[in-house]
Amino acid sequence: MSKKVTGKKAASSASKTLKSSSAGSKSKSAAGSALSQTKAPKKTTSKKAATAASKTLSDGRASKASKSAAGSALAQKSSKKKK
């Protein structure tokens, strides 16, 4: 279980991404995940949101704010692997 939470800067970036009309759905998914984990150490990023965050980070068109939010979401992904 992750003990990490979204920090103030990442939360601000996530908020900007969610409000942006030019941000894509994957960026917004990652931003929503990061924002939902503000002050919530027991929450972790879902597999779907982690995939969206990964794609956002590798997208050259994504804004700095989107990439910040995506990085925060990925940092909070559970490290458990299913067998």
PDB file of N, CA and C in Angstrom:
ATOM      1  N   MET A   1       0.838  -1.182   0.000  1.00  0.00           N
ATOM      2  CA  MET A   1       0.000   0.000   0.000  1.00  0.00           C
ATOM      3  C   MET A   1       0.881   1.242   0.000  1.00  0.00           C
ATOM      4  N   SER A   2       0.508   2.218  -0.770  1.00  0.00           N
ATOM      5  CA  SER A   2       1.260   3.453  -0.875  1.00  0.00           C
ATOM      6  C   SER A   2       0.949   4.375   0.293  1.00  0.00           C
ATOM      7  N   LYS A   3       1.986   4.992   0.826  1.00  0.00           N
ATOM      8  CA  LYS A   3       1.795   5.959   1.911  1.00  0.00           C
ATOM      9  C   LYS A   3       1.940   7.380   1.380  1.00  0.00           C
ATOM     10  N   LYS A   4       2.117   7.519   0.071  1.00  0.00           N
ATOM     11  CA  LYS A   4       2.333   8.820  -0.538  1.00  0.00           C
ATOM     12  C   LYS A   4       1.007   9.531  -0.771  1.00  0.00           C
ATOM     13  N   VAL A   5       1.085  10.861  -0.776  1.00  0.00           N
ATOM     14  CA  VAL A   5      -0.080  11.682  -1.116  1.00  0.00           C
ATOM     15  C   VAL A   5       0.360  12.714  -2.149  1.00  0.00           C
ATOM     16  N   THR A   6      -0.587  13.284  -2.844  1.00  0.00           N
ATOM     17  CA  THR A   6      -0.292  14.311  -3.831  1.00  0.00           C
ATOM     18  C   THR A   6       0.051  15.609  -3.112  1.00  0.00           C
ATOM     19  N   GLY A   7       1.185  16.190  -3.455  1.00  0.00           N
ATOM     20  CA  GLY A   7       1.623  17.448  -2.857  1.00  0.00           C
ATOM     21  C   GLY A   7       0.882  18.648  -3.436  1.00  0.00           C
ATOM     22  N   LYS A   8       1.138  19.824  -2.850  1.00  0.00           N
ATOM     23  CA  LYS A   8       0.435  21.043  -3.276  1.00  0.00           C
ATOM     24  C   LYS A   8       0.710  21.403  -4.732  1.00  0.00           C
ATOM     25  N   LYS A   9       1.980  21.321  -5.151  1.00  0.00           N
ATOM     26  CA  LYS A   9       2.312  21.685  -6.532  1.00  0.00           C
ATOM     27  C   LYS A   9       1.672  20.724  -7.522  1.00  0.00           C
ATOM     28  N   ALA A  10       1.733  19.433  -7.236  1.00  0.00           N
ATOM     29  CA  ALA A  10       1.138  18.437  -8.136  1.00  0.00           C
ATOM     30  C   ALA A  10      -0.382  18.577  -8.160  1.00  0.00           C
ATOM     31  N   ALA A  11      -0.978  18.891  -7.009  1.00  0.00           N
ATOM     32  CA  ALA A  11      -2.434  19.079  -6.952  1.00  0.00           C
ATOM     33  C   ALA A  11      -2.846  20.295  -7.776  1.00  0.00           C
ATOM     34  N   SER A  12      -2.049  21.345  -7.710  1.00  0.00           N
ATOM     35  CA  SER A  12      -2.323  22.546  -8.497  1.00  0.00           C
ATOM     36  C   SER A  12      -2.209  22.234  -9.990  1.00  0.00           C
ATOM     37  N   SER A  13      -1.190  21.461 -10.355  1.00  0.00           N
ATOM     38  CA  SER A  13      -1.014  21.059 -11.755  1.00  0.00           C
ATOM     39  C   SER A  13      -2.177  20.192 -12.222  1.00  0.00           C
ATOM     40  N   ALA A  14      -2.615  19.295 -11.357  1.00  0.00           N
ATOM     41  CA  ALA A  14      -3.743  18.422 -11.697  1.00  0.00           C
ATOM     42  C   ALA A  14      -5.003  19.248 -11.920  1.00  0.00           C
ATOM     43  N   SER A  15      -5.209  20.231 -11.068  1.00  0.00           N
ATOM     44  CA  SER A  15      -6.378  21.095 -11.203  1.00  0.00           C
ATOM     45  C   SER A  15      -6.342  21.857 -12.523  1.00  0.00           C
ATOM     46  N   LYS A  16      -5.164  22.388 -12.879  1.00  0.00           N
ATOM     47  CA  LYS A  16      -5.013  23.117 -14.148  1.00  0.00           C
ATOM     48  C   LYS A  16      -5.304  22.192 -15.329  1.00  0.00           C
ATOM     49  N   THR A  17      -4.834  20.964 -15.231  1.00  0.00           N
ATOM     50  CA  THR A  17      -5.052  20.002 -16.310  1.00  0.00           C
ATOM     51  C   THR A  17      -6.536  19.699 -16.472  1.00  0.00           C
ATOM     52  N   LEU A  18      -7.234  19.495 -15.358  1.00  0.00           N
ATOM     53  CA  LEU A  18      -8.668  19.187 -15.421  1.00  0.00           C
ATOM     54  C   LEU A  18      -9.474  20.354 -15.985  1.00  0.00           C
ATOM     55  N   LYS A  19      -9.035  21.579 -15.725  1.00  0.00           N
ATOM     56  CA  LYS A  19      -9.747  22.766 -16.215  1.00  0.00           C
ATOM     57  C   LYS A  19      -9.420  23.089 -17.672  1.00  0.00           C
ATOM     58  N   SER A  20      -8.296  22.556 -18.167  1.00  0.00           N
ATOM     59  CA  SER A  20      -7.838  22.871 -19.516  1.00  0.00           C
ATOM     60  C   SER A  20      -8.736  22.244 -20.584  1.00  0.00           C
ATOM     61  N   SER A  21      -9.096  23.062 -21.560  1.00  0.00           N
ATOM     62  CA  SER A  21      -9.913  22.540 -22.657  1.00  0.00           C
ATOM     63  C   SER A  21      -9.043  21.809 -23.686  1.00  0.00           C
ATOM     64  N   SER A  22      -7.741  22.038 -23.639  1.00  0.00           N
ATOM     65  CA  SER A  22      -6.857  21.407 -24.621  1.00  0.00           C
ATOM     66  C   SER A  22      -6.240  20.092 -24.130  1.00  0.00           C
ATOM     67  N   ALA A  23      -6.415  19.775 -22.850  1.00  0.00           N
ATOM     68  CA  ALA A  23      -5.855  18.532 -22.301  1.00  0.00           C
ATOM     69  C   ALA A  23      -6.666  17.333 -22.795  1.00  0.00           C
ATOM     70  N   GLY A  24      -5.961  16.248 -23.097  1.00  0.00           N
ATOM     71  CA  GLY A  24      -6.615  15.042 -23.582  1.00  0.00           C
ATOM     72  C   GLY A  24      -7.230  14.227 -22.462  1.00  0.00           C
ATOM     73  N   SER A  25      -7.985  13.217 -22.831  1.00  0.00           N
ATOM     74  CA  SER A  25      -8.689  12.405 -21.834  1.00  0.00           C
ATOM     75  C   SER A  25      -7.716  11.622 -20.945  1.00  0.00           C
ATOM     76  N   LYS A  26      -6.603  11.179 -21.495  1.00  0.00           N
ATOM     77  CA  LYS A  26      -5.631  10.429 -20.698  1.00  0.00           C
ATOM     78  C   LYS A  26      -4.975  11.344 -19.668  1.00  0.00           C
ATOM     79  N   SER A  27      -4.663  12.568 -20.069  1.00  0.00           N
ATOM     80  CA  SER A  27      -4.087  13.548 -19.143  1.00  0.00           C
ATOM     81  C   SER A  27      -5.064  13.854 -18.018  1.00  0.00           C
ATOM     82  N   LYS A  28      -6.323  13.999 -18.383  1.00  0.00           N
ATOM     83  CA  LYS A  28      -7.345  14.312 -17.377  1.00  0.00           C
ATOM     84  C   LYS A  28      -7.586  13.136 -16.440  1.00  0.00           C
ATOM     85  N   SER A  29      -7.504  11.934 -16.953  1.00  0.00           N
ATOM     86  CA  SER A  29      -7.657  10.746 -16.118  1.00  0.00           C
ATOM     87  C   SER A  29      -6.543  10.679 -15.070  1.00  0.00           C
ATOM     88  N   ALA A  30      -5.314  10.904 -15.521  1.00  0.00           N
ATOM     89  CA  ALA A  30      -4.169  10.884 -14.611  1.00  0.00           C
ATOM     90  C   ALA A  30      -4.275  12.019 -13.588  1.00  0.00           C
ATOM     91  N   ALA A  31      -4.702  13.192 -14.050  1.00  0.00           N
ATOM     92  CA  ALA A  31      -4.851  14.342 -13.157  1.00  0.00           C
ATOM     93  C   ALA A  31      -5.925  14.088 -12.102  1.00  0.00           C
ATOM     94  N   GLY A  32      -7.021  13.493 -12.516  1.00  0.00           N
ATOM     95  CA  GLY A  32      -8.102  13.171 -11.579  1.00  0.00           C
ATOM     96  C   GLY A  32      -7.638  12.191 -10.522  1.00  0.00           C
ATOM     97  N   SER A  33      -6.860  11.218 -10.930  1.00  0.00           N
ATOM     98  CA  SER A  33      -6.330  10.240  -9.989  1.00  0.00           C
ATOM     99  C   SER A  33      -5.405  10.919  -8.974  1.00  0.00           C
ATOM    100  N   ALA A  34      -4.516  11.763  -9.480  1.00  0.00           N
ATOM    101  CA  ALA A  34      -3.582  12.463  -8.592  1.00  0.00           C
ATOM    102  C   ALA A  34      -4.341  13.367  -7.616  1.00  0.00           C
ATOM    103  N   LEU A  35      -5.328  14.090  -8.137  1.00  0.00           N
ATOM    104  CA  LEU A  35      -6.086  15.013  -7.292  1.00  0.00           C
ATOM    105  C   LEU A  35      -6.898  14.276  -6.229  1.00  0.00           C
ATOM    106  N   SER A  36      -7.401  13.106  -6.564  1.00  0.00           N
ATOM    107  CA  SER A  36      -8.210  12.346  -5.601  1.00  0.00           C
ATOM    108  C   SER A  36      -7.349  11.803  -4.452  1.00  0.00           C
ATOM    109  N   GLN A  37      -6.039  11.790  -4.638  1.00  0.00           N
ATOM    110  CA  GLN A  37      -5.151  11.246  -3.620  1.00  0.00           C
ATOM    111  C   GLN A  37      -4.513  12.325  -2.744  1.00  0.00           C
ATOM    112  N   THR A  38      -5.004  13.558  -2.869  1.00  0.00           N
ATOM    113  CA  THR A  38      -4.540  14.628  -1.997  1.00  0.00           C
ATOM    114  C   THR A  38      -5.065  14.349  -0.588  1.00  0.00           C
ATOM    115  N   LYS A  39      -4.182  14.292   0.366  1.00  0.00           N
ATOM    116  CA  LYS A  39      -4.532  14.006   1.770  1.00  0.00           C
ATOM    117  C   LYS A  39      -5.227  12.657   1.943  1.00  0.00           C
ATOM    118  N   ALA A  40      -4.896  11.694   1.102  1.00  0.00           N
ATOM    119  CA  ALA A  40      -5.512  10.366   1.194  1.00  0.00           C
ATOM    120  C   ALA A  40      -4.426   9.292   1.033  1.00  0.00           C
ATOM    121  N   PRO A  41      -3.637   9.043   2.079  1.00  0.00           N
ATOM    122  CA  PRO A  41      -2.509   8.101   1.953  1.00  0.00           C
ATOM    123  C   PRO A  41      -2.903   6.650   1.699  1.00  0.00           C
ATOM    124  N   LYS A  42      -4.158   6.301   1.933  1.00  0.00           N
ATOM    125  CA  LYS A  42      -4.574   4.910   1.719  1.00  0.00           C
ATOM    126  C   LYS A  42      -5.038   4.642   0.300  1.00  0.00           C
ATOM    127  N   LYS A  43      -5.239   5.706  -0.487  1.00  0.00           N
ATOM    128  CA  LYS A  43      -5.666   5.530  -1.873  1.00  0.00           C
ATOM    129  C   LYS A  43      -4.454   5.273  -2.755  1.00  0.00           C
ATOM    130  N   THR A  44      -4.641   4.452  -3.777  1.00  0.00           N
ATOM    131  CA  THR A  44      -3.577   4.212  -4.748  1.00  0.00           C
ATOM    132  C   THR A  44      -4.123   4.406  -6.157  1.00  0.00           C
ATOM    133  N   THR A  45      -3.217   4.576  -7.093  1.00  0.00           N
ATOM    134  CA  THR A  45      -3.601   4.774  -8.479  1.00  0.00           C
ATOM    135  C   THR A  45      -4.021   3.445  -9.103  1.00  0.00           C
ATOM    136  N   SER A  46      -5.146   3.450  -9.782  1.00  0.00           N
ATOM    137  CA  SER A  46      -5.632   2.233 -10.445  1.00  0.00           C
ATOM    138  C   SER A  46      -4.764   1.902 -11.656  1.00  0.00           C
ATOM    139  N   LYS A  47      -4.895   0.682 -12.136  1.00  0.00           N
ATOM    140  CA  LYS A  47      -4.131   0.256 -13.306  1.00  0.00           C
ATOM    141  C   LYS A  47      -4.489   1.119 -14.520  1.00  0.00           C
ATOM    142  N   LYS A  48      -5.769   1.404 -14.689  1.00  0.00           N
ATOM    143  CA  LYS A  48      -6.228   2.212 -15.818  1.00  0.00           C
ATOM    144  C   LYS A  48      -5.647   3.628 -15.757  1.00  0.00           C
ATOM    145  N   ALA A  49      -5.681   4.235 -14.571  1.00  0.00           N
ATOM    146  CA  ALA A  49      -5.147   5.588 -14.412  1.00  0.00           C
ATOM    147  C   ALA A  49      -3.625   5.600 -14.567  1.00  0.00           C
ATOM    148  N   ALA A  50      -2.962   4.537 -14.104  1.00  0.00           N
ATOM    149  CA  ALA A  50      -1.511   4.445 -14.245  1.00  0.00           C
ATOM    150  C   ALA A  50      -1.115   4.339 -15.712  1.00  0.00           C
ATOM    151  N   THR A  51      -1.884   3.594 -16.487  1.00  0.00           N
ATOM    152  CA  THR A  51      -1.625   3.481 -17.922  1.00  0.00           C
ATOM    153  C   THR A  51      -1.812   4.837 -18.598  1.00  0.00           C
ATOM    154  N   ALA A  52      -2.862   5.549 -18.216  1.00  0.00           N
ATOM    155  CA  ALA A  52      -3.114   6.881 -18.771  1.00  0.00           C
ATOM    156  C   ALA A  52      -1.982   7.836 -18.388  1.00  0.00           C
ATOM    157  N   ALA A  53      -1.503   7.741 -17.157  1.00  0.00           N
ATOM    158  CA  ALA A  53      -0.415   8.598 -16.696  1.00  0.00           C
ATOM    159  C   ALA A  53       0.869   8.309 -17.472  1.00  0.00           C
ATOM    160  N   SER A  54       1.136   7.042 -17.694  1.00  0.00           N
ATOM    161  CA  SER A  54       2.320   6.651 -18.450  1.00  0.00           C
ATOM    162  C   SER A  54       2.274   7.203 -19.870  1.00  0.00           C
ATOM    163  N   LYS A  55       1.108   7.104 -20.502  1.00  0.00           N
ATOM    164  CA  LYS A  55       0.950   7.622 -21.860  1.00  0.00           C
ATOM    165  C   LYS A  55       1.075   9.145 -21.892  1.00  0.00           C
ATOM    166  N   THR A  56       0.597   9.803 -20.843  1.00  0.00           N
ATOM    167  CA  THR A  56       0.714  11.260 -20.753  1.00  0.00           C
ATOM    168  C   THR A  56       2.179  11.664 -20.659  1.00  0.00           C
ATOM    169  N   LEU A  57       2.939  10.940 -19.841  1.00  0.00           N
ATOM    170  CA  LEU A  57       4.355  11.271 -19.685  1.00  0.00           C
ATOM    171  C   LEU A  57       5.147  11.074 -20.973  1.00  0.00           C
ATOM    172  N   SER A  58       4.752  10.117 -21.783  1.00  0.00           N
ATOM    173  CA  SER A  58       5.490   9.856 -23.025  1.00  0.00           C
ATOM    174  C   SER A  58       4.970  10.679 -24.205  1.00  0.00           C
ATOM    175  N   ASP A  59       3.903  11.431 -23.995  1.00  0.00           N
ATOM    176  CA  ASP A  59       3.319  12.261 -25.049  1.00  0.00           C
ATOM    177  C   ASP A  59       4.045  13.608 -25.109  1.00  0.00           C
ATOM    178  N   GLY A  60       4.693  13.870 -26.217  1.00  0.00           N
ATOM    179  CA  GLY A  60       5.433  15.120 -26.378  1.00  0.00           C
ATOM    180  C   GLY A  60       4.553  16.354 -26.395  1.00  0.00           C
ATOM    181  N   ARG A  61       3.264  16.182 -26.646  1.00  0.00           N
ATOM    182  CA  ARG A  61       2.348  17.328 -26.713  1.00  0.00           C
ATOM    183  C   ARG A  61       1.756  17.695 -25.357  1.00  0.00           C
ATOM    184  N   ALA A  62       1.914  16.849 -24.365  1.00  0.00           N
ATOM    185  CA  ALA A  62       1.315  17.102 -23.044  1.00  0.00           C
ATOM    186  C   ALA A  62       2.005  18.285 -22.366  1.00  0.00           C
ATOM    187  N   SER A  63       1.237  19.068 -21.652  1.00  0.00           N
ATOM    188  CA  SER A  63       1.784  20.238 -20.964  1.00  0.00           C
ATOM    189  C   SER A  63       2.597  19.824 -19.744  1.00  0.00           C
ATOM    190  N   LYS A  64       3.359  20.765 -19.246  1.00  0.00           N
ATOM    191  CA  LYS A  64       4.163  20.519 -18.047  1.00  0.00           C
ATOM    192  C   LYS A  64       3.259  20.180 -16.855  1.00  0.00           C
ATOM    193  N   ALA A  65       2.121  20.870 -16.760  1.00  0.00           N
ATOM    194  CA  ALA A  65       1.177  20.618 -15.669  1.00  0.00           C
ATOM    195  C   ALA A  65       0.610  19.202 -15.763  1.00  0.00           C
ATOM    196  N   SER A  66       0.278  18.778 -16.971  1.00  0.00           N
ATOM    197  CA  SER A  66      -0.257  17.425 -17.168  1.00  0.00           C
ATOM    198  C   SER A  66       0.772  16.377 -16.781  1.00  0.00           C
ATOM    199  N   LYS A  67       2.018  16.614 -17.171  1.00  0.00           N
ATOM    200  CA  LYS A  67       3.078  15.654 -16.864  1.00  0.00           C
ATOM    201  C   LYS A  67       3.371  15.613 -15.364  1.00  0.00           C
ATOM    202  N   SER A  68       3.262  16.747 -14.705  1.00  0.00           N
ATOM    203  CA  SER A  68       3.458  16.790 -13.253  1.00  0.00           C
ATOM    204  C   SER A  68       2.387  15.964 -12.544  1.00  0.00           C
ATOM    205  N   ALA A  69       1.152  16.152 -12.954  1.00  0.00           N
ATOM    206  CA  ALA A  69       0.040  15.399 -12.358  1.00  0.00           C
ATOM    207  C   ALA A  69       0.182  13.910 -12.653  1.00  0.00           C
ATOM    208  N   ALA A  70       0.596  13.584 -13.876  1.00  0.00           N
ATOM    209  CA  ALA A  70       0.766  12.176 -14.261  1.00  0.00           C
ATOM    210  C   ALA A  70       1.880  11.529 -13.450  1.00  0.00           C
ATOM    211  N   GLY A  71       2.956  12.259 -13.235  1.00  0.00           N
ATOM    212  CA  GLY A  71       4.066  11.737 -12.430  1.00  0.00           C
ATOM    213  C   GLY A  71       3.641  11.467 -11.002  1.00  0.00           C
ATOM    214  N   SER A  72       2.832  12.359 -10.454  1.00  0.00           N
ATOM    215  CA  SER A  72       2.330  12.167  -9.094  1.00  0.00           C
ATOM    216  C   SER A  72       1.441  10.933  -9.018  1.00  0.00           C
ATOM    217  N   ALA A  73       0.576  10.769 -10.008  1.00  0.00           N
ATOM    218  CA  ALA A  73      -0.314   9.605 -10.027  1.00  0.00           C
ATOM    219  C   ALA A  73       0.491   8.309 -10.108  1.00  0.00           C
ATOM    220  N   LEU A  74       1.526   8.290 -10.951  1.00  0.00           N
ATOM    221  CA  LEU A  74       2.346   7.084 -11.085  1.00  0.00           C
ATOM    222  C   LEU A  74       3.131   6.785  -9.818  1.00  0.00           C
ATOM    223  N   ALA A  75       3.562   7.830  -9.136  1.00  0.00           N
ATOM    224  CA  ALA A  75       4.330   7.639  -7.895  1.00  0.00           C
ATOM    225  C   ALA A  75       3.480   6.979  -6.811  1.00  0.00           C
ATOM    226  N   GLN A  76       2.173   7.087  -6.939  1.00  0.00           N
ATOM    227  CA  GLN A  76       1.270   6.540  -5.928  1.00  0.00           C
ATOM    228  C   GLN A  76       0.626   5.212  -6.341  1.00  0.00           C
ATOM    229  N   LYS A  77       1.146   4.630  -7.407  1.00  0.00           N
ATOM    230  CA  LYS A  77       0.637   3.335  -7.850  1.00  0.00           C
ATOM    231  C   LYS A  77       1.090   2.252  -6.878  1.00  0.00           C
ATOM    232  N   SER A  78       0.218   1.334  -6.592  1.00  0.00           N
ATOM    233  CA  SER A  78       0.546   0.217  -5.709  1.00  0.00           C
ATOM    234  C   SER A  78       1.640  -0.622  -6.355  1.00  0.00           C
ATOM    235  N   SER A  79       2.592  -1.052  -5.557  1.00  0.00           N
ATOM    236  CA  SER A  79       3.687  -1.842  -6.107  1.00  0.00           C
ATOM    237  C   SER A  79       3.405  -3.336  -6.059  1.00  0.00           C
ATOM    238  N   LYS A  80       2.231  -3.704  -5.576  1.00  0.00           N
ATOM    239  CA  LYS A  80       1.864  -5.130  -5.528  1.00  0.00           C
ATOM    240  C   LYS A  80       1.660  -5.681  -6.930  1.00  0.00           C
ATOM    241  N   LYS A  81       2.170  -6.854  -7.167  1.00  0.00           N
ATOM    242  CA  LYS A  81       1.966  -7.521  -8.451  1.00  0.00           C
ATOM    243  C   LYS A  81       1.103  -8.754  -8.228  1.00  0.00           C
ATOM    244  N   LYS A  82       0.130  -8.933  -9.107  1.00  0.00           N
ATOM    245  CA  LYS A  82      -0.743 -10.102  -9.008  1.00  0.00           C
ATOM    246  C   LYS A  82      -0.029 -11.314  -9.596  1.00  0.00           C
ATOM    247  N   LYS A  83      -0.259 -12.467  -9.009  1.00  0.00           N
ATOM    248  CA  LYS A  83       0.364 -13.701  -9.500  1.00  0.00           C
ATOM    249  C   LYS A  83      -0.568 -14.421 -10.434  1.00  0.00           C
TER     250      LYS A  83
END
